[in-house]
Each structure stands twice: as C-alpha cells, then as structure tokens.
N, C-alpha and C. Protein backbone atom coordinates (compact mmCIF):
# COMPACT_ATOMS: atom_id res chain seq x y z
N MET A 1 167.63 261.26 68.86
CA MET A 1 166.47 260.87 69.62
C MET A 1 166.55 259.39 69.96
N GLY A 2 165.94 259.03 71.08
CA GLY A 2 165.92 257.64 71.51
C GLY A 2 164.87 256.87 70.73
N THR A 3 164.96 255.56 70.82
CA THR A 3 164.01 254.73 70.09
C THR A 3 162.72 254.53 70.85
N SER A 4 162.74 254.68 72.19
CA SER A 4 161.52 254.49 72.96
C SER A 4 161.06 255.83 73.53
N ARG A 5 159.75 255.98 73.58
CA ARG A 5 159.17 257.21 74.13
C ARG A 5 158.90 256.99 75.61
N ARG A 6 159.04 258.05 76.37
CA ARG A 6 158.76 257.98 77.80
C ARG A 6 157.27 258.18 78.04
N SER A 7 156.76 257.45 79.00
CA SER A 7 155.35 257.61 79.35
C SER A 7 155.17 258.90 80.16
N GLN A 8 153.91 259.28 80.35
CA GLN A 8 153.63 260.48 81.13
C GLN A 8 154.11 260.31 82.56
N ALA A 9 153.97 259.10 83.11
CA ALA A 9 154.41 258.85 84.49
C ALA A 9 155.93 259.01 84.60
N GLU A 10 156.67 258.57 83.61
CA GLU A 10 158.13 258.71 83.64
C GLU A 10 158.53 260.18 83.53
N ARG A 11 157.84 260.93 82.68
CA ARG A 11 158.13 262.36 82.56
C ARG A 11 157.81 263.09 83.86
N ASP A 12 156.68 262.73 84.49
CA ASP A 12 156.32 263.33 85.77
C ASP A 12 157.34 263.00 86.85
N ALA A 13 157.80 261.76 86.88
CA ALA A 13 158.80 261.35 87.86
C ALA A 13 160.10 262.14 87.67
N MET A 14 160.49 262.36 86.44
CA MET A 14 161.71 263.13 86.18
C MET A 14 161.52 264.58 86.60
N THR A 15 160.34 265.14 86.36
CA THR A 15 160.07 266.51 86.77
C THR A 15 160.15 266.65 88.29
N VAL A 16 159.56 265.70 88.99
CA VAL A 16 159.61 265.72 90.46
C VAL A 16 161.05 265.59 90.94
N GLU A 17 161.82 264.72 90.30
CA GLU A 17 163.21 264.51 90.72
C GLU A 17 164.05 265.76 90.47
N ILE A 18 163.83 266.45 89.37
CA ILE A 18 164.55 267.69 89.09
C ILE A 18 164.17 268.76 90.12
N GLY A 19 162.89 268.86 90.43
CA GLY A 19 162.45 269.81 91.45
C GLY A 19 163.07 269.52 92.80
N TYR A 20 163.09 268.24 93.18
CA TYR A 20 163.71 267.84 94.45
C TYR A 20 165.20 268.19 94.45
N ALA A 21 165.88 267.91 93.35
CA ALA A 21 167.31 268.19 93.27
C ALA A 21 167.58 269.69 93.43
N LEU A 22 166.79 270.52 92.76
CA LEU A 22 167.00 271.96 92.84
C LEU A 22 166.66 272.53 94.22
N LEU A 23 165.54 272.07 94.80
CA LEU A 23 165.17 272.58 96.12
C LEU A 23 166.15 272.14 97.20
N SER A 24 166.58 270.88 97.15
CA SER A 24 167.54 270.42 98.16
C SER A 24 168.90 271.09 97.96
N ALA A 25 169.25 271.42 96.72
CA ALA A 25 170.51 272.12 96.48
C ALA A 25 170.45 273.55 97.01
N CYS A 26 169.31 274.20 96.81
CA CYS A 26 169.15 275.57 97.36
C CYS A 26 169.21 275.56 98.87
N PHE A 27 168.55 274.58 99.49
CA PHE A 27 168.58 274.49 100.94
C PHE A 27 170.01 274.23 101.44
N LEU A 28 170.71 273.30 100.81
CA LEU A 28 172.09 273.01 101.20
C LEU A 28 172.98 274.23 101.02
N GLY A 29 172.83 274.92 99.90
CA GLY A 29 173.63 276.12 99.66
C GLY A 29 173.38 277.20 100.70
N ALA A 30 172.11 277.38 101.08
CA ALA A 30 171.78 278.39 102.08
C ALA A 30 172.35 278.02 103.45
N VAL A 31 172.27 276.75 103.81
CA VAL A 31 172.81 276.32 105.10
C VAL A 31 174.32 276.48 105.15
N VAL A 32 175.00 276.10 104.07
CA VAL A 32 176.46 276.22 104.03
C VAL A 32 176.86 277.70 104.06
N PHE A 33 176.17 278.52 103.27
CA PHE A 33 176.48 279.95 103.29
C PHE A 33 176.26 280.54 104.68
N GLY A 34 175.15 280.18 105.31
CA GLY A 34 174.87 280.69 106.65
C GLY A 34 175.89 280.23 107.67
N ALA A 35 176.35 278.99 107.54
CA ALA A 35 177.33 278.47 108.50
C ALA A 35 178.68 279.16 108.35
N ILE A 36 179.05 279.50 107.13
CA ILE A 36 180.36 280.12 106.91
C ILE A 36 180.29 281.63 107.07
N ALA A 37 179.29 282.27 106.48
CA ALA A 37 179.21 283.73 106.51
C ALA A 37 178.44 284.25 107.71
N GLY A 38 177.72 283.38 108.41
CA GLY A 38 176.92 283.80 109.55
C GLY A 38 177.69 284.51 110.65
N PRO A 39 178.86 284.02 111.02
CA PRO A 39 179.61 284.72 112.07
C PRO A 39 179.93 286.17 111.73
N ALA A 40 180.08 286.47 110.45
CA ALA A 40 180.34 287.86 110.06
C ALA A 40 179.13 288.75 110.33
N ALA A 41 177.94 288.18 110.32
CA ALA A 41 176.74 288.96 110.60
C ALA A 41 176.51 289.13 112.10
N VAL A 42 177.05 288.20 112.88
CA VAL A 42 176.80 288.22 114.32
C VAL A 42 177.87 289.02 115.07
N TRP A 43 179.12 288.77 114.73
CA TRP A 43 180.22 289.40 115.45
C TRP A 43 180.93 290.43 114.57
N GLN A 44 181.65 291.31 115.21
CA GLN A 44 182.42 292.33 114.49
C GLN A 44 183.77 291.76 114.09
N PHE A 45 184.03 291.76 112.80
CA PHE A 45 185.32 291.36 112.25
C PHE A 45 185.84 292.52 111.42
N PRO A 46 187.14 292.55 111.16
CA PRO A 46 187.64 293.54 110.20
C PRO A 46 186.95 293.35 108.84
N SER A 47 186.83 294.42 108.09
CA SER A 47 186.07 294.36 106.82
C SER A 47 186.65 293.33 105.86
N GLY A 48 187.96 293.17 105.87
CA GLY A 48 188.58 292.17 105.00
C GLY A 48 188.17 290.76 105.39
N ALA A 49 188.11 290.48 106.67
CA ALA A 49 187.72 289.15 107.13
C ALA A 49 186.24 288.88 106.83
N GLU A 50 185.41 289.92 107.01
CA GLU A 50 183.99 289.75 106.68
C GLU A 50 183.81 289.43 105.20
N ARG A 51 184.54 290.14 104.37
CA ARG A 51 184.44 289.89 102.92
C ARG A 51 184.90 288.48 102.58
N VAL A 52 185.98 288.03 103.19
CA VAL A 52 186.48 286.67 102.94
C VAL A 52 185.42 285.64 103.36
N LEU A 53 184.80 285.85 104.52
CA LEU A 53 183.78 284.90 104.98
C LEU A 53 182.58 284.86 104.04
N VAL A 54 182.13 286.02 103.59
CA VAL A 54 180.96 286.07 102.70
C VAL A 54 181.29 285.43 101.35
N VAL A 55 182.43 285.77 100.79
CA VAL A 55 182.80 285.21 99.48
C VAL A 55 183.04 283.71 99.58
N THR A 56 183.71 283.27 100.64
CA THR A 56 183.96 281.85 100.83
C THR A 56 182.64 281.10 101.04
N GLY A 57 181.74 281.66 101.82
CA GLY A 57 180.44 281.04 102.04
C GLY A 57 179.63 280.93 100.76
N ALA A 58 179.66 281.99 99.96
CA ALA A 58 178.93 281.95 98.69
C ALA A 58 179.52 280.92 97.74
N ALA A 59 180.84 280.89 97.64
CA ALA A 59 181.49 279.93 96.74
C ALA A 59 181.23 278.50 97.19
N ALA A 60 181.36 278.24 98.48
CA ALA A 60 181.12 276.88 98.99
C ALA A 60 179.66 276.49 98.81
N GLY A 61 178.74 277.41 99.04
CA GLY A 61 177.32 277.12 98.84
C GLY A 61 176.99 276.79 97.41
N ILE A 62 177.56 277.53 96.48
CA ILE A 62 177.31 277.29 95.05
C ILE A 62 177.89 275.94 94.63
N VAL A 63 179.14 275.69 95.02
CA VAL A 63 179.79 274.44 94.62
C VAL A 63 179.04 273.24 95.19
N LEU A 64 178.70 273.28 96.47
CA LEU A 64 177.99 272.15 97.07
C LEU A 64 176.58 272.02 96.52
N GLY A 65 175.93 273.12 96.17
CA GLY A 65 174.61 273.05 95.55
C GLY A 65 174.67 272.37 94.19
N VAL A 66 175.64 272.72 93.39
CA VAL A 66 175.80 272.09 92.08
C VAL A 66 176.11 270.60 92.24
N LEU A 67 176.99 270.28 93.19
CA LEU A 67 177.29 268.87 93.43
C LEU A 67 176.06 268.10 93.89
N ARG A 68 175.20 268.74 94.67
CA ARG A 68 173.97 268.09 95.12
C ARG A 68 173.05 267.78 93.95
N VAL A 69 172.88 268.73 93.05
CA VAL A 69 172.03 268.49 91.87
C VAL A 69 172.59 267.35 91.04
N VAL A 70 173.89 267.36 90.80
CA VAL A 70 174.51 266.30 90.00
C VAL A 70 174.34 264.95 90.69
N HIS A 71 174.54 264.91 92.00
CA HIS A 71 174.43 263.65 92.74
C HIS A 71 173.00 263.09 92.68
N VAL A 72 172.01 263.93 92.91
CA VAL A 72 170.63 263.46 92.92
C VAL A 72 170.21 262.99 91.53
N LEU A 73 170.53 263.76 90.50
CA LEU A 73 170.11 263.37 89.16
C LEU A 73 170.90 262.18 88.63
N TRP A 74 172.15 262.06 89.01
CA TRP A 74 172.94 260.91 88.59
C TRP A 74 172.40 259.64 89.25
N ARG A 75 172.05 259.75 90.52
CA ARG A 75 171.48 258.60 91.23
C ARG A 75 170.15 258.21 90.60
N TYR A 76 169.34 259.20 90.22
CA TYR A 76 168.05 258.92 89.60
C TYR A 76 168.24 258.25 88.23
N ALA A 77 169.22 258.70 87.48
CA ALA A 77 169.45 258.13 86.15
C ALA A 77 169.93 256.68 86.26
N GLY A 78 170.50 256.31 87.39
CA GLY A 78 171.00 254.95 87.56
C GLY A 78 169.94 253.94 87.98
N THR A 79 168.74 254.42 88.34
CA THR A 79 167.69 253.49 88.72
C THR A 79 167.10 252.84 87.48
N PRO A 80 166.82 251.54 87.54
CA PRO A 80 166.28 250.87 86.35
C PRO A 80 164.86 251.33 86.06
N ARG A 81 164.58 251.51 84.79
CA ARG A 81 163.25 251.91 84.37
C ARG A 81 162.36 250.68 84.27
N PRO A 82 161.08 250.81 84.60
CA PRO A 82 160.18 249.65 84.50
C PRO A 82 159.98 249.24 83.05
N ASP A 83 159.66 247.97 82.86
CA ASP A 83 159.42 247.43 81.53
C ASP A 83 158.18 248.10 80.94
N PRO A 84 158.30 248.74 79.75
CA PRO A 84 157.16 249.46 79.20
C PRO A 84 156.02 248.54 78.78
N ASP A 85 156.31 247.27 78.48
CA ASP A 85 155.29 246.32 78.05
C ASP A 85 155.41 245.05 78.88
N PRO A 86 154.78 245.03 80.07
CA PRO A 86 154.95 243.88 80.94
C PRO A 86 154.36 242.59 80.37
N GLY A 87 153.47 242.66 79.41
CA GLY A 87 152.87 241.46 78.84
C GLY A 87 153.64 240.88 77.67
N SER A 88 154.85 241.37 77.41
CA SER A 88 155.60 240.92 76.24
C SER A 88 156.19 239.54 76.41
N GLY A 89 156.27 239.02 77.64
CA GLY A 89 156.82 237.69 77.85
C GLY A 89 158.30 237.68 78.09
N SER A 90 158.97 238.83 77.97
CA SER A 90 160.41 238.85 78.18
C SER A 90 160.79 239.07 79.63
N GLY A 91 159.81 239.43 80.46
CA GLY A 91 160.09 239.69 81.87
C GLY A 91 160.11 238.41 82.67
N SER A 92 160.62 238.47 83.88
CA SER A 92 160.72 237.28 84.72
C SER A 92 159.39 236.94 85.37
N GLY A 93 158.41 237.83 85.34
CA GLY A 93 157.15 237.59 86.00
C GLY A 93 156.14 236.83 85.16
N SER A 94 156.39 236.63 83.86
CA SER A 94 155.43 235.96 83.02
C SER A 94 155.87 234.53 82.77
N GLY A 95 154.94 233.72 82.32
CA GLY A 95 155.26 232.34 82.05
C GLY A 95 154.86 231.45 83.20
N SER A 96 155.17 230.16 83.08
CA SER A 96 154.81 229.22 84.14
C SER A 96 155.93 229.16 85.15
N GLY A 97 155.58 229.48 86.36
CA GLY A 97 156.57 229.46 87.43
C GLY A 97 156.10 228.53 88.52
N SER A 98 156.78 228.58 89.62
CA SER A 98 156.40 227.74 90.75
C SER A 98 155.59 228.56 91.74
N GLY A 99 154.48 229.11 91.25
CA GLY A 99 153.63 229.92 92.09
C GLY A 99 152.89 229.07 93.12
N SER A 100 152.34 229.71 94.13
CA SER A 100 151.68 228.98 95.20
C SER A 100 150.31 228.45 94.77
N GLY A 101 149.70 229.10 93.83
CA GLY A 101 148.38 228.63 93.37
C GLY A 101 148.04 229.25 92.03
N SER A 102 147.38 228.48 91.18
CA SER A 102 147.04 229.01 89.87
C SER A 102 145.56 229.12 89.65
N ALA A 103 144.74 228.78 90.64
CA ALA A 103 143.30 228.90 90.49
C ALA A 103 142.88 230.33 90.68
N ASP A 104 142.18 230.91 89.71
CA ASP A 104 141.73 232.31 89.79
C ASP A 104 140.28 232.40 90.11
C-alpha cells in the first residue's frame, strides 16, 4: 500500500479516465473492424477471403483497442498530482514573493 491516500476527487478523476479509455478503445476497435471487415459485408468475396477480412478486422480492432487503453492510462499516470496540502509551505505558491500587491 502507498503512504498517501487519494482524495475523493482523485478517485473520481481516475474513474472518469478509465471510462474514457474503455469507451474510446471500443469506438476505435469498432471503426477499425468496420474498415477492414466492412467490404466483406458490402461486396461478394470468396468465403475464404471474407473469413480472412473478418478475422483480420477483429484482431486489429482488439489490438488497437488494447493499445488505446494503455496509451490513455499511461498518459494519465504521467500527469503530476496536485499537492495534497497546499498550506504546508513546501509549494512554490506560498511565502513572500514578488506579487503585484499584498493589501487584502
């Protein structure tokens, strides 16, 4: 287990990102399958060629869908997480800086 707990907002963001990754992967897989296997549904091909198109379309759709999920989640994992305690003084936003005005 990690030493820090995730906030509810971080858990929600991860849930949304996983949902986006899965939905975009399904869409990509369907488009790739349709592009490769679609001609077999429209035109008459020998049965062997139709089978090759359908199997190739399914395989390419699955592979690209998995790659899409990995890409989206890997990119999300690489984004920096916000400081859980912004008032701790370790961030660059606290302390005396050269701000434009300090009168509140």
